[in-house]
Amino acid sequence: MDKHQQPLVSIIVLNYNAKEFLINCIDSIFHSNYQNFEVILVDNNSNDNSFDICKKNHPEINLIVNNSNLGYCGGNNIGIKQAQGKFIIILNPDTLVEPEWINEFLKSYKKFGDAIYQPKFISTDDHEMLLSTGQMINLFGFGFSRDKGSYSKNKNYESEKIAYASGTCMFLSSTLMKNLNYFDNFLFAYHD
């Protein structure tokens, strides 16, 4: 499919001194099979020059450098408000993505419609170990990553409802994000 026939996907990566993780993350994004995406790299006042390296390696990145650390919610909101895409992906800098990742999100969206989607997470150190097959809430109201530490990576998981999507990587329409009124800036990090 021609790049211009695909909906634009805005990928927001928030950085704070993530150096090697960030460089590898950005490189993996640019190996995606999906072609029509923009990368918005928001830096939360890092001092490790990692954002400069990424911009040099990938000049098409939209780089936003904050004057202070605005936390997860505040930093991501800065990027989201600059996003031009029909869809938004929030991606942590310590992640690596597979080439088909955006296509898989779009398939799920086409099947299920507006929702917040999370993929299955696999450890970057041990490619057989799962880190999450969905975020769940226990009896006492605490969130946890289902299947964390298990070794059933190759199990065929069907798409299903989960309690909430992890901020490690989430996909949603820009319309839904605006309807939710973005992230709550009051929350600096975790369970946002």
N, C-alpha and C. Protein backbone atom coordinates (compact mmCIF):
# COMPACT_ATOMS: atom_id res chain seq x y z
N MET A 1 0.84 -1.18 0.00
CA MET A 1 0.00 0.00 0.00
C MET A 1 0.89 1.24 0.00
N ASP A 2 0.52 2.21 -0.78
CA ASP A 2 1.24 3.48 -0.86
C ASP A 2 1.20 4.19 0.49
N LYS A 3 2.31 4.80 0.86
CA LYS A 3 2.44 5.50 2.14
C LYS A 3 1.30 6.50 2.35
N HIS A 4 0.90 7.19 1.31
CA HIS A 4 -0.11 8.24 1.44
C HIS A 4 -1.53 7.69 1.50
N GLN A 5 -1.70 6.39 1.27
CA GLN A 5 -3.00 5.76 1.45
C GLN A 5 -3.17 5.23 2.86
N GLN A 6 -2.10 5.20 3.62
CA GLN A 6 -2.14 4.73 5.01
C GLN A 6 -2.43 5.90 5.93
N PRO A 7 -3.19 5.68 7.02
CA PRO A 7 -3.38 6.77 7.97
C PRO A 7 -2.07 7.10 8.69
N LEU A 8 -1.85 8.36 8.96
CA LEU A 8 -0.64 8.78 9.67
C LEU A 8 -0.73 8.33 11.12
N VAL A 9 0.36 7.74 11.60
CA VAL A 9 0.48 7.31 12.99
C VAL A 9 1.57 8.15 13.64
N SER A 10 1.23 8.79 14.75
CA SER A 10 2.20 9.60 15.50
C SER A 10 2.74 8.78 16.65
N ILE A 11 4.05 8.61 16.67
CA ILE A 11 4.71 7.83 17.72
C ILE A 11 5.43 8.81 18.64
N ILE A 12 5.01 8.83 19.90
CA ILE A 12 5.62 9.74 20.86
C ILE A 12 6.53 8.93 21.77
N VAL A 13 7.80 9.32 21.81
CA VAL A 13 8.77 8.68 22.69
C VAL A 13 9.26 9.74 23.66
N LEU A 14 9.07 9.48 24.94
CA LEU A 14 9.49 10.41 25.98
C LEU A 14 10.83 9.94 26.54
N ASN A 15 11.79 10.84 26.59
CA ASN A 15 13.14 10.48 27.03
C ASN A 15 13.57 11.26 28.26
N TYR A 16 14.25 10.56 29.15
CA TYR A 16 14.97 11.21 30.24
C TYR A 16 16.22 10.38 30.51
N ASN A 17 17.34 10.81 29.92
CA ASN A 17 18.64 10.17 30.12
C ASN A 17 18.63 8.67 29.82
N ALA A 18 17.98 8.27 28.75
CA ALA A 18 17.87 6.84 28.42
C ALA A 18 18.93 6.37 27.42
N LYS A 19 19.78 7.22 26.99
CA LYS A 19 20.86 7.04 26.02
C LYS A 19 20.78 5.79 25.13
N GLU A 20 21.49 4.71 25.47
CA GLU A 20 21.55 3.54 24.57
C GLU A 20 20.17 2.93 24.33
N PHE A 21 19.34 2.91 25.38
CA PHE A 21 17.98 2.39 25.20
C PHE A 21 17.25 3.21 24.14
N LEU A 22 17.32 4.52 24.28
CA LEU A 22 16.63 5.42 23.36
C LEU A 22 17.12 5.25 21.93
N ILE A 23 18.41 5.22 21.74
CA ILE A 23 18.98 5.08 20.40
C ILE A 23 18.49 3.79 19.75
N ASN A 24 18.51 2.68 20.49
CA ASN A 24 18.05 1.40 19.96
C ASN A 24 16.55 1.42 19.69
N CYS A 25 15.79 2.06 20.56
CA CYS A 25 14.34 2.16 20.38
C CYS A 25 14.01 2.91 19.09
N ILE A 26 14.62 4.07 18.92
CA ILE A 26 14.34 4.88 17.72
C ILE A 26 14.76 4.13 16.46
N ASP A 27 15.91 3.48 16.50
CA ASP A 27 16.34 2.69 15.34
C ASP A 27 15.32 1.60 15.01
N SER A 28 14.78 0.93 16.03
CA SER A 28 13.81 -0.14 15.77
C SER A 28 12.53 0.41 15.15
N ILE A 29 12.12 1.60 15.56
CA ILE A 29 10.92 2.23 14.96
C ILE A 29 11.13 2.42 13.46
N PHE A 30 12.31 2.88 13.09
CA PHE A 30 12.57 3.15 11.67
C PHE A 30 12.79 1.89 10.84
N HIS A 31 12.70 0.72 11.47
CA HIS A 31 12.71 -0.54 10.74
C HIS A 31 11.30 -1.11 10.59
N SER A 32 10.30 -0.29 10.89
CA SER A 32 8.90 -0.71 10.78
C SER A 32 8.53 -0.92 9.33
N ASN A 33 7.68 -1.92 9.09
CA ASN A 33 7.16 -2.16 7.74
C ASN A 33 6.12 -1.12 7.34
N TYR A 34 5.43 -0.57 8.31
CA TYR A 34 4.45 0.48 8.06
C TYR A 34 5.21 1.75 7.71
N GLN A 35 4.76 2.49 6.74
CA GLN A 35 5.54 3.61 6.23
C GLN A 35 5.08 4.99 6.67
N ASN A 36 3.80 5.17 6.92
CA ASN A 36 3.29 6.52 7.17
C ASN A 36 3.21 6.82 8.67
N PHE A 37 4.36 7.17 9.23
CA PHE A 37 4.40 7.52 10.64
C PHE A 37 5.32 8.71 10.86
N GLU A 38 5.09 9.39 11.96
CA GLU A 38 5.98 10.45 12.41
C GLU A 38 6.47 10.08 13.80
N VAL A 39 7.71 10.45 14.10
CA VAL A 39 8.25 10.21 15.43
C VAL A 39 8.43 11.56 16.11
N ILE A 40 7.81 11.69 17.26
CA ILE A 40 7.95 12.89 18.08
C ILE A 40 8.74 12.47 19.31
N LEU A 41 9.96 12.95 19.40
CA LEU A 41 10.83 12.64 20.53
C LEU A 41 10.78 13.82 21.48
N VAL A 42 10.25 13.57 22.68
CA VAL A 42 10.15 14.61 23.70
C VAL A 42 11.22 14.32 24.75
N ASP A 43 12.10 15.29 24.96
CA ASP A 43 13.15 15.10 25.96
C ASP A 43 12.82 15.91 27.20
N ASN A 44 12.86 15.24 28.35
CA ASN A 44 12.52 15.86 29.63
C ASN A 44 13.78 16.40 30.32
N ASN A 45 14.54 17.24 29.61
CA ASN A 45 15.71 17.91 30.18
C ASN A 45 16.84 16.94 30.54
N SER A 46 17.14 16.02 29.61
CA SER A 46 18.24 15.06 29.81
C SER A 46 19.58 15.77 29.72
N ASN A 47 20.58 15.14 30.31
CA ASN A 47 21.95 15.67 30.20
C ASN A 47 22.90 14.67 29.55
N ASP A 48 22.35 13.66 28.86
CA ASP A 48 23.20 12.62 28.27
C ASP A 48 23.34 12.73 26.75
N ASN A 49 22.88 13.77 26.16
CA ASN A 49 22.89 14.08 24.72
C ASN A 49 22.30 12.98 23.83
N SER A 50 21.51 12.07 24.40
CA SER A 50 20.93 10.99 23.62
C SER A 50 19.98 11.49 22.55
N PHE A 51 19.23 12.54 22.86
CA PHE A 51 18.28 13.07 21.88
C PHE A 51 19.01 13.67 20.69
N ASP A 52 20.19 14.27 20.92
CA ASP A 52 20.99 14.81 19.81
C ASP A 52 21.46 13.70 18.87
N ILE A 53 21.88 12.58 19.45
CA ILE A 53 22.34 11.45 18.64
C ILE A 53 21.18 10.93 17.78
N CYS A 54 20.01 10.80 18.38
CA CYS A 54 18.84 10.31 17.62
C CYS A 54 18.46 11.26 16.50
N LYS A 55 18.50 12.54 16.78
CA LYS A 55 18.14 13.54 15.75
C LYS A 55 19.17 13.52 14.63
N LYS A 56 20.43 13.31 14.97
CA LYS A 56 21.48 13.24 13.94
C LYS A 56 21.28 12.00 13.07
N ASN A 57 20.96 10.86 13.70
CA ASN A 57 20.76 9.61 12.97
C ASN A 57 19.46 9.60 12.16
N HIS A 58 18.47 10.32 12.64
CA HIS A 58 17.14 10.34 12.00
C HIS A 58 16.64 11.78 11.98
N PRO A 59 17.11 12.59 11.04
CA PRO A 59 16.76 14.02 11.03
C PRO A 59 15.27 14.30 10.88
N GLU A 60 14.49 13.33 10.42
CA GLU A 60 13.05 13.54 10.26
C GLU A 60 12.30 13.55 11.59
N ILE A 61 12.96 13.18 12.67
CA ILE A 61 12.33 13.21 13.99
C ILE A 61 11.91 14.64 14.33
N ASN A 62 10.72 14.77 14.90
CA ASN A 62 10.27 16.04 15.46
C ASN A 62 10.76 16.04 16.91
N LEU A 63 11.79 16.81 17.20
CA LEU A 63 12.40 16.84 18.53
C LEU A 63 11.88 18.02 19.34
N ILE A 64 11.41 17.72 20.54
CA ILE A 64 10.96 18.74 21.48
C ILE A 64 11.80 18.58 22.74
N VAL A 65 12.49 19.64 23.15
CA VAL A 65 13.33 19.59 24.34
C VAL A 65 12.71 20.48 25.41
N ASN A 66 12.27 19.85 26.49
CA ASN A 66 11.67 20.60 27.60
C ASN A 66 12.75 21.21 28.48
N ASN A 67 12.43 22.32 29.12
CA ASN A 67 13.39 23.00 30.01
C ASN A 67 13.47 22.36 31.38
N SER A 68 12.54 21.45 31.68
CA SER A 68 12.56 20.74 32.95
C SER A 68 11.94 19.37 32.75
N ASN A 69 12.08 18.52 33.76
CA ASN A 69 11.50 17.19 33.70
C ASN A 69 10.02 17.29 34.08
N LEU A 70 9.15 17.12 33.11
CA LEU A 70 7.71 17.25 33.32
C LEU A 70 7.05 15.94 33.71
N GLY A 71 7.84 14.89 33.89
CA GLY A 71 7.30 13.59 34.23
C GLY A 71 6.68 12.90 33.03
N TYR A 72 6.16 11.70 33.27
CA TYR A 72 5.59 10.89 32.20
C TYR A 72 4.38 11.58 31.56
N CYS A 73 3.44 11.98 32.38
CA CYS A 73 2.20 12.56 31.84
C CYS A 73 2.44 13.90 31.17
N GLY A 74 3.11 14.81 31.85
CA GLY A 74 3.36 16.13 31.29
C GLY A 74 4.20 16.08 30.04
N GLY A 75 5.25 15.27 30.05
CA GLY A 75 6.11 15.15 28.87
C GLY A 75 5.39 14.55 27.68
N ASN A 76 4.64 13.48 27.92
CA ASN A 76 3.89 12.87 26.81
C ASN A 76 2.82 13.81 26.28
N ASN A 77 2.17 14.55 27.16
CA ASN A 77 1.15 15.50 26.70
C ASN A 77 1.73 16.53 25.74
N ILE A 78 2.95 16.98 26.00
CA ILE A 78 3.61 17.93 25.09
C ILE A 78 3.70 17.32 23.69
N GLY A 79 4.13 16.07 23.61
CA GLY A 79 4.24 15.39 22.32
C GLY A 79 2.90 15.13 21.66
N ILE A 80 1.93 14.69 22.46
CA ILE A 80 0.60 14.38 21.93
C ILE A 80 -0.02 15.62 21.29
N LYS A 81 0.17 16.76 21.91
CA LYS A 81 -0.43 18.00 21.39
C LYS A 81 0.23 18.45 20.09
N GLN A 82 1.42 17.94 19.78
CA GLN A 82 2.09 18.23 18.50
C GLN A 82 1.77 17.19 17.43
N ALA A 83 1.16 16.08 17.84
CA ALA A 83 0.92 14.96 16.93
C ALA A 83 -0.06 15.34 15.82
N GLN A 84 0.24 14.92 14.62
CA GLN A 84 -0.60 15.16 13.45
C GLN A 84 -1.38 13.92 13.02
N GLY A 85 -1.07 12.77 13.61
CA GLY A 85 -1.63 11.51 13.14
C GLY A 85 -3.06 11.25 13.55
N LYS A 86 -3.70 10.38 12.79
CA LYS A 86 -5.03 9.89 13.14
C LYS A 86 -4.94 8.97 14.36
N PHE A 87 -3.77 8.34 14.52
CA PHE A 87 -3.52 7.43 15.63
C PHE A 87 -2.28 7.87 16.38
N ILE A 88 -2.25 7.52 17.66
CA ILE A 88 -1.12 7.87 18.53
C ILE A 88 -0.59 6.60 19.17
N ILE A 89 0.72 6.49 19.20
CA ILE A 89 1.38 5.44 19.96
C ILE A 89 2.28 6.12 20.97
N ILE A 90 2.12 5.74 22.23
CA ILE A 90 3.02 6.18 23.30
C ILE A 90 4.00 5.03 23.51
N LEU A 91 5.29 5.33 23.46
CA LEU A 91 6.30 4.28 23.53
C LEU A 91 7.43 4.70 24.46
N ASN A 92 7.73 3.85 25.44
CA ASN A 92 8.86 4.12 26.32
C ASN A 92 10.18 3.91 25.59
N PRO A 93 11.22 4.66 25.97
CA PRO A 93 12.48 4.58 25.25
C PRO A 93 13.28 3.30 25.50
N ASP A 94 12.89 2.50 26.48
CA ASP A 94 13.62 1.26 26.75
C ASP A 94 12.97 0.06 26.08
N THR A 95 12.23 0.31 25.01
CA THR A 95 11.56 -0.77 24.28
C THR A 95 12.12 -0.90 22.87
N LEU A 96 11.96 -2.08 22.33
CA LEU A 96 12.29 -2.36 20.93
C LEU A 96 11.01 -2.88 20.28
N VAL A 97 10.77 -2.51 19.05
CA VAL A 97 9.54 -2.93 18.37
C VAL A 97 9.88 -3.83 17.19
N GLU A 98 8.93 -4.71 16.86
CA GLU A 98 9.04 -5.60 15.71
C GLU A 98 8.56 -4.85 14.46
N PRO A 99 9.03 -5.23 13.28
CA PRO A 99 8.65 -4.51 12.05
C PRO A 99 7.15 -4.43 11.79
N GLU A 100 6.37 -5.42 12.20
CA GLU A 100 4.93 -5.45 11.92
C GLU A 100 4.08 -4.78 13.00
N TRP A 101 4.70 -4.19 14.00
CA TRP A 101 3.96 -3.72 15.17
C TRP A 101 2.82 -2.76 14.85
N ILE A 102 3.05 -1.78 13.99
CA ILE A 102 2.00 -0.79 13.69
C ILE A 102 0.87 -1.46 12.91
N ASN A 103 1.20 -2.33 11.96
CA ASN A 103 0.17 -3.05 11.21
C ASN A 103 -0.72 -3.86 12.14
N GLU A 104 -0.13 -4.49 13.15
CA GLU A 104 -0.91 -5.30 14.09
C GLU A 104 -1.87 -4.43 14.91
N PHE A 105 -1.40 -3.26 15.34
CA PHE A 105 -2.30 -2.35 16.05
C PHE A 105 -3.47 -1.95 15.16
N LEU A 106 -3.18 -1.62 13.91
CA LEU A 106 -4.24 -1.17 12.99
C LEU A 106 -5.24 -2.29 12.69
N LYS A 107 -4.77 -3.54 12.61
CA LYS A 107 -5.68 -4.67 12.42
C LYS A 107 -6.64 -4.78 13.59
N SER A 108 -6.11 -4.65 14.79
CA SER A 108 -6.97 -4.72 15.99
C SER A 108 -7.96 -3.57 16.01
N TYR A 109 -7.49 -2.38 15.66
CA TYR A 109 -8.38 -1.22 15.64
C TYR A 109 -9.51 -1.44 14.64
N LYS A 110 -9.17 -1.96 13.48
CA LYS A 110 -10.19 -2.21 12.45
C LYS A 110 -11.22 -3.23 12.94
N LYS A 111 -10.77 -4.19 13.72
CA LYS A 111 -11.66 -5.24 14.22
C LYS A 111 -12.50 -4.78 15.41
N PHE A 112 -11.89 -4.03 16.34
CA PHE A 112 -12.56 -3.72 17.60
C PHE A 112 -12.95 -2.25 17.78
N GLY A 113 -12.39 -1.34 16.99
CA GLY A 113 -12.74 0.06 17.11
C GLY A 113 -11.99 0.80 18.20
N ASP A 114 -12.55 1.94 18.60
CA ASP A 114 -11.87 2.81 19.56
C ASP A 114 -11.68 2.12 20.91
N ALA A 115 -10.45 2.09 21.33
CA ALA A 115 -10.04 1.52 22.61
C ALA A 115 -8.59 1.92 22.81
N ILE A 116 -8.04 1.59 23.96
CA ILE A 116 -6.61 1.77 24.19
C ILE A 116 -5.99 0.37 24.14
N TYR A 117 -5.05 0.18 23.24
CA TYR A 117 -4.46 -1.13 22.97
C TYR A 117 -3.06 -1.23 23.55
N GLN A 118 -2.73 -2.41 24.04
CA GLN A 118 -1.39 -2.73 24.51
C GLN A 118 -0.95 -4.03 23.86
N PRO A 119 0.32 -4.11 23.42
CA PRO A 119 0.82 -5.37 22.89
C PRO A 119 1.32 -6.29 24.00
N LYS A 120 1.71 -7.47 23.63
CA LYS A 120 2.42 -8.39 24.53
C LYS A 120 3.85 -7.88 24.64
N PHE A 121 4.41 -7.86 25.85
CA PHE A 121 5.79 -7.40 26.06
C PHE A 121 6.69 -8.59 26.35
N ILE A 122 7.84 -8.59 25.68
CA ILE A 122 8.86 -9.63 25.88
C ILE A 122 10.13 -8.95 26.36
N SER A 123 10.84 -9.59 27.26
CA SER A 123 12.08 -9.04 27.81
C SER A 123 13.11 -8.83 26.70
N THR A 124 13.81 -7.71 26.74
CA THR A 124 14.88 -7.46 25.76
C THR A 124 16.14 -8.24 26.13
N ASP A 125 16.26 -8.68 27.37
CA ASP A 125 17.43 -9.46 27.79
C ASP A 125 17.24 -10.95 27.56
N ASP A 126 16.03 -11.44 27.78
CA ASP A 126 15.71 -12.85 27.63
C ASP A 126 14.48 -12.94 26.74
N HIS A 127 14.70 -13.18 25.47
CA HIS A 127 13.62 -13.12 24.48
C HIS A 127 12.58 -14.23 24.62
N GLU A 128 12.76 -15.10 25.59
CA GLU A 128 11.76 -16.14 25.86
C GLU A 128 10.83 -15.74 26.99
N MET A 129 11.20 -14.71 27.76
CA MET A 129 10.42 -14.35 28.95
C MET A 129 9.42 -13.23 28.66
N LEU A 130 8.20 -13.45 29.09
CA LEU A 130 7.15 -12.44 28.99
C LEU A 130 7.27 -11.44 30.12
N LEU A 131 6.98 -10.19 29.80
CA LEU A 131 6.90 -9.15 30.83
C LEU A 131 5.46 -8.74 31.08
N SER A 132 4.60 -8.90 30.07
CA SER A 132 3.19 -8.59 30.26
C SER A 132 2.36 -9.09 29.08
N THR A 133 1.20 -9.62 29.41
CA THR A 133 0.18 -9.92 28.39
C THR A 133 -1.08 -9.12 28.70
N GLY A 134 -0.89 -8.02 29.39
CA GLY A 134 -1.99 -7.14 29.73
C GLY A 134 -1.89 -6.69 31.17
N GLN A 135 -2.32 -5.49 31.42
CA GLN A 135 -2.29 -4.95 32.77
C GLN A 135 -3.62 -5.28 33.45
N MET A 136 -3.53 -5.79 34.66
CA MET A 136 -4.71 -6.24 35.39
C MET A 136 -4.74 -5.55 36.75
N ILE A 137 -5.86 -5.63 37.43
CA ILE A 137 -6.01 -5.05 38.76
C ILE A 137 -6.41 -6.17 39.72
N ASN A 138 -5.67 -6.27 40.85
CA ASN A 138 -5.97 -7.34 41.79
C ASN A 138 -7.11 -6.94 42.72
N LEU A 139 -7.46 -7.85 43.61
CA LEU A 139 -8.57 -7.68 44.53
C LEU A 139 -8.46 -6.42 45.37
N PHE A 140 -7.23 -6.00 45.66
CA PHE A 140 -7.01 -4.84 46.52
C PHE A 140 -6.85 -3.53 45.73
N GLY A 141 -7.03 -3.60 44.42
CA GLY A 141 -6.97 -2.40 43.59
C GLY A 141 -5.60 -2.06 43.05
N PHE A 142 -4.61 -2.94 43.23
CA PHE A 142 -3.27 -2.68 42.72
C PHE A 142 -3.12 -3.26 41.32
N GLY A 143 -2.43 -2.52 40.47
CA GLY A 143 -2.19 -2.99 39.12
C GLY A 143 -1.01 -3.95 39.06
N PHE A 144 -1.07 -4.87 38.10
CA PHE A 144 0.05 -5.79 37.90
C PHE A 144 0.09 -6.24 36.44
N SER A 145 1.24 -6.71 36.03
CA SER A 145 1.44 -7.20 34.66
C SER A 145 1.17 -8.70 34.63
N ARG A 146 0.13 -9.07 33.90
CA ARG A 146 -0.22 -10.49 33.79
C ARG A 146 0.89 -11.24 33.08
N ASP A 147 1.20 -12.43 33.57
CA ASP A 147 2.19 -13.36 33.00
C ASP A 147 3.64 -12.89 33.14
N LYS A 148 3.90 -11.86 33.93
CA LYS A 148 5.26 -11.36 34.09
C LYS A 148 6.16 -12.46 34.62
N GLY A 149 7.27 -12.68 33.90
CA GLY A 149 8.25 -13.69 34.30
C GLY A 149 7.98 -15.08 33.78
N SER A 150 6.86 -15.28 33.08
CA SER A 150 6.57 -16.62 32.57
C SER A 150 7.30 -16.85 31.25
N TYR A 151 7.37 -18.11 30.87
CA TYR A 151 8.10 -18.47 29.66
C TYR A 151 7.17 -19.10 28.62
N SER A 152 6.04 -18.47 28.39
CA SER A 152 5.10 -18.97 27.38
C SER A 152 4.99 -17.97 26.24
N LYS A 153 6.11 -17.41 25.84
CA LYS A 153 6.16 -16.37 24.80
C LYS A 153 5.46 -16.79 23.52
N ASN A 154 5.61 -18.04 23.14
CA ASN A 154 5.07 -18.48 21.85
C ASN A 154 3.61 -18.90 21.91
N LYS A 155 3.00 -18.84 23.10
CA LYS A 155 1.58 -19.14 23.21
C LYS A 155 0.81 -18.14 22.34
N ASN A 156 -0.18 -18.64 21.65
CA ASN A 156 -0.96 -17.79 20.76
C ASN A 156 -2.04 -17.07 21.56
N TYR A 157 -1.80 -15.81 21.89
CA TYR A 157 -2.76 -15.03 22.64
C TYR A 157 -3.75 -14.37 21.69
N GLU A 158 -5.02 -14.47 22.04
CA GLU A 158 -6.06 -13.80 21.28
C GLU A 158 -6.23 -12.38 21.83
N SER A 159 -6.71 -11.48 21.01
CA SER A 159 -7.02 -10.14 21.50
C SER A 159 -8.14 -10.25 22.52
N GLU A 160 -7.99 -9.53 23.62
CA GLU A 160 -8.99 -9.58 24.68
C GLU A 160 -8.97 -8.31 25.49
N LYS A 161 -10.04 -8.07 26.22
CA LYS A 161 -10.10 -6.90 27.09
C LYS A 161 -9.19 -7.12 28.29
N ILE A 162 -8.51 -6.04 28.69
CA ILE A 162 -7.68 -6.05 29.88
C ILE A 162 -8.14 -4.89 30.77
N ALA A 163 -7.64 -4.84 31.98
CA ALA A 163 -8.07 -3.79 32.91
C ALA A 163 -7.58 -2.42 32.46
N TYR A 164 -6.33 -2.34 32.03
CA TYR A 164 -5.79 -1.08 31.53
C TYR A 164 -4.54 -1.37 30.72
N ALA A 165 -4.16 -0.42 29.89
CA ALA A 165 -2.99 -0.58 29.03
C ALA A 165 -1.75 0.02 29.70
N SER A 166 -0.65 -0.65 29.53
CA SER A 166 0.61 -0.18 30.09
C SER A 166 1.13 1.02 29.31
N GLY A 167 1.68 1.98 30.03
CA GLY A 167 2.30 3.13 29.39
C GLY A 167 3.59 2.80 28.67
N THR A 168 4.05 1.57 28.81
CA THR A 168 5.25 1.15 28.08
C THR A 168 5.03 1.28 26.58
N CYS A 169 3.86 0.86 26.14
CA CYS A 169 3.47 0.98 24.73
C CYS A 169 1.96 0.90 24.65
N MET A 170 1.35 1.97 24.19
CA MET A 170 -0.09 1.97 24.01
C MET A 170 -0.45 2.64 22.69
N PHE A 171 -1.55 2.20 22.12
CA PHE A 171 -2.04 2.67 20.83
C PHE A 171 -3.49 3.09 20.99
N LEU A 172 -3.84 4.25 20.44
CA LEU A 172 -5.22 4.70 20.44
C LEU A 172 -5.41 5.77 19.37
N SER A 173 -6.64 6.07 19.07
CA SER A 173 -6.91 7.12 18.09
C SER A 173 -6.66 8.47 18.74
N SER A 174 -6.26 9.44 17.94
CA SER A 174 -6.04 10.79 18.48
C SER A 174 -7.37 11.38 18.97
N THR A 175 -8.48 11.00 18.35
CA THR A 175 -9.80 11.46 18.80
C THR A 175 -10.08 10.98 20.21
N LEU A 176 -9.81 9.71 20.48
CA LEU A 176 -10.03 9.16 21.81
C LEU A 176 -9.13 9.85 22.83
N MET A 177 -7.87 10.09 22.48
CA MET A 177 -6.96 10.77 23.41
C MET A 177 -7.48 12.17 23.74
N LYS A 178 -7.96 12.88 22.74
CA LYS A 178 -8.52 14.22 22.99
C LYS A 178 -9.78 14.14 23.84
N ASN A 179 -10.64 13.15 23.58
CA ASN A 179 -11.86 12.98 24.37
C ASN A 179 -11.54 12.66 25.82
N LEU A 180 -10.43 11.98 26.06
CA LEU A 180 -10.00 11.67 27.43
C LEU A 180 -9.32 12.87 28.09
N ASN A 181 -9.10 13.92 27.33
CA ASN A 181 -8.43 15.13 27.80
C ASN A 181 -6.98 14.85 28.21
N TYR A 182 -6.32 14.00 27.43
CA TYR A 182 -4.90 13.70 27.59
C TYR A 182 -4.61 13.01 28.92
N PHE A 183 -3.32 12.94 29.29
CA PHE A 183 -2.93 12.39 30.58
C PHE A 183 -3.12 13.47 31.65
N ASP A 184 -3.27 13.05 32.88
CA ASP A 184 -3.42 13.99 34.00
C ASP A 184 -2.03 14.43 34.45
N ASN A 185 -1.69 15.70 34.21
CA ASN A 185 -0.37 16.22 34.55
C ASN A 185 -0.05 16.13 36.04
N PHE A 186 -1.07 15.96 36.86
CA PHE A 186 -0.86 15.83 38.30
C PHE A 186 -0.01 14.60 38.61
N LEU A 187 -0.17 13.55 37.79
CA LEU A 187 0.56 12.29 38.02
C LEU A 187 1.92 12.37 37.34
N PHE A 188 2.98 12.35 38.11
CA PHE A 188 4.32 12.48 37.55
C PHE A 188 4.75 11.20 36.86
N ALA A 189 4.49 10.05 37.50
CA ALA A 189 4.88 8.76 36.93
C ALA A 189 4.10 7.63 37.60
N TYR A 190 3.88 6.57 36.86
CA TYR A 190 3.28 5.31 37.30
C TYR A 190 1.76 5.39 37.47
N HIS A 191 1.12 4.37 36.91
CA HIS A 191 -0.34 4.18 36.99
C HIS A 191 -1.12 5.40 36.52
N ASP A 192 -0.58 6.07 35.53
CA ASP A 192 -1.22 7.25 34.99
C ASP A 192 -2.38 6.88 34.12
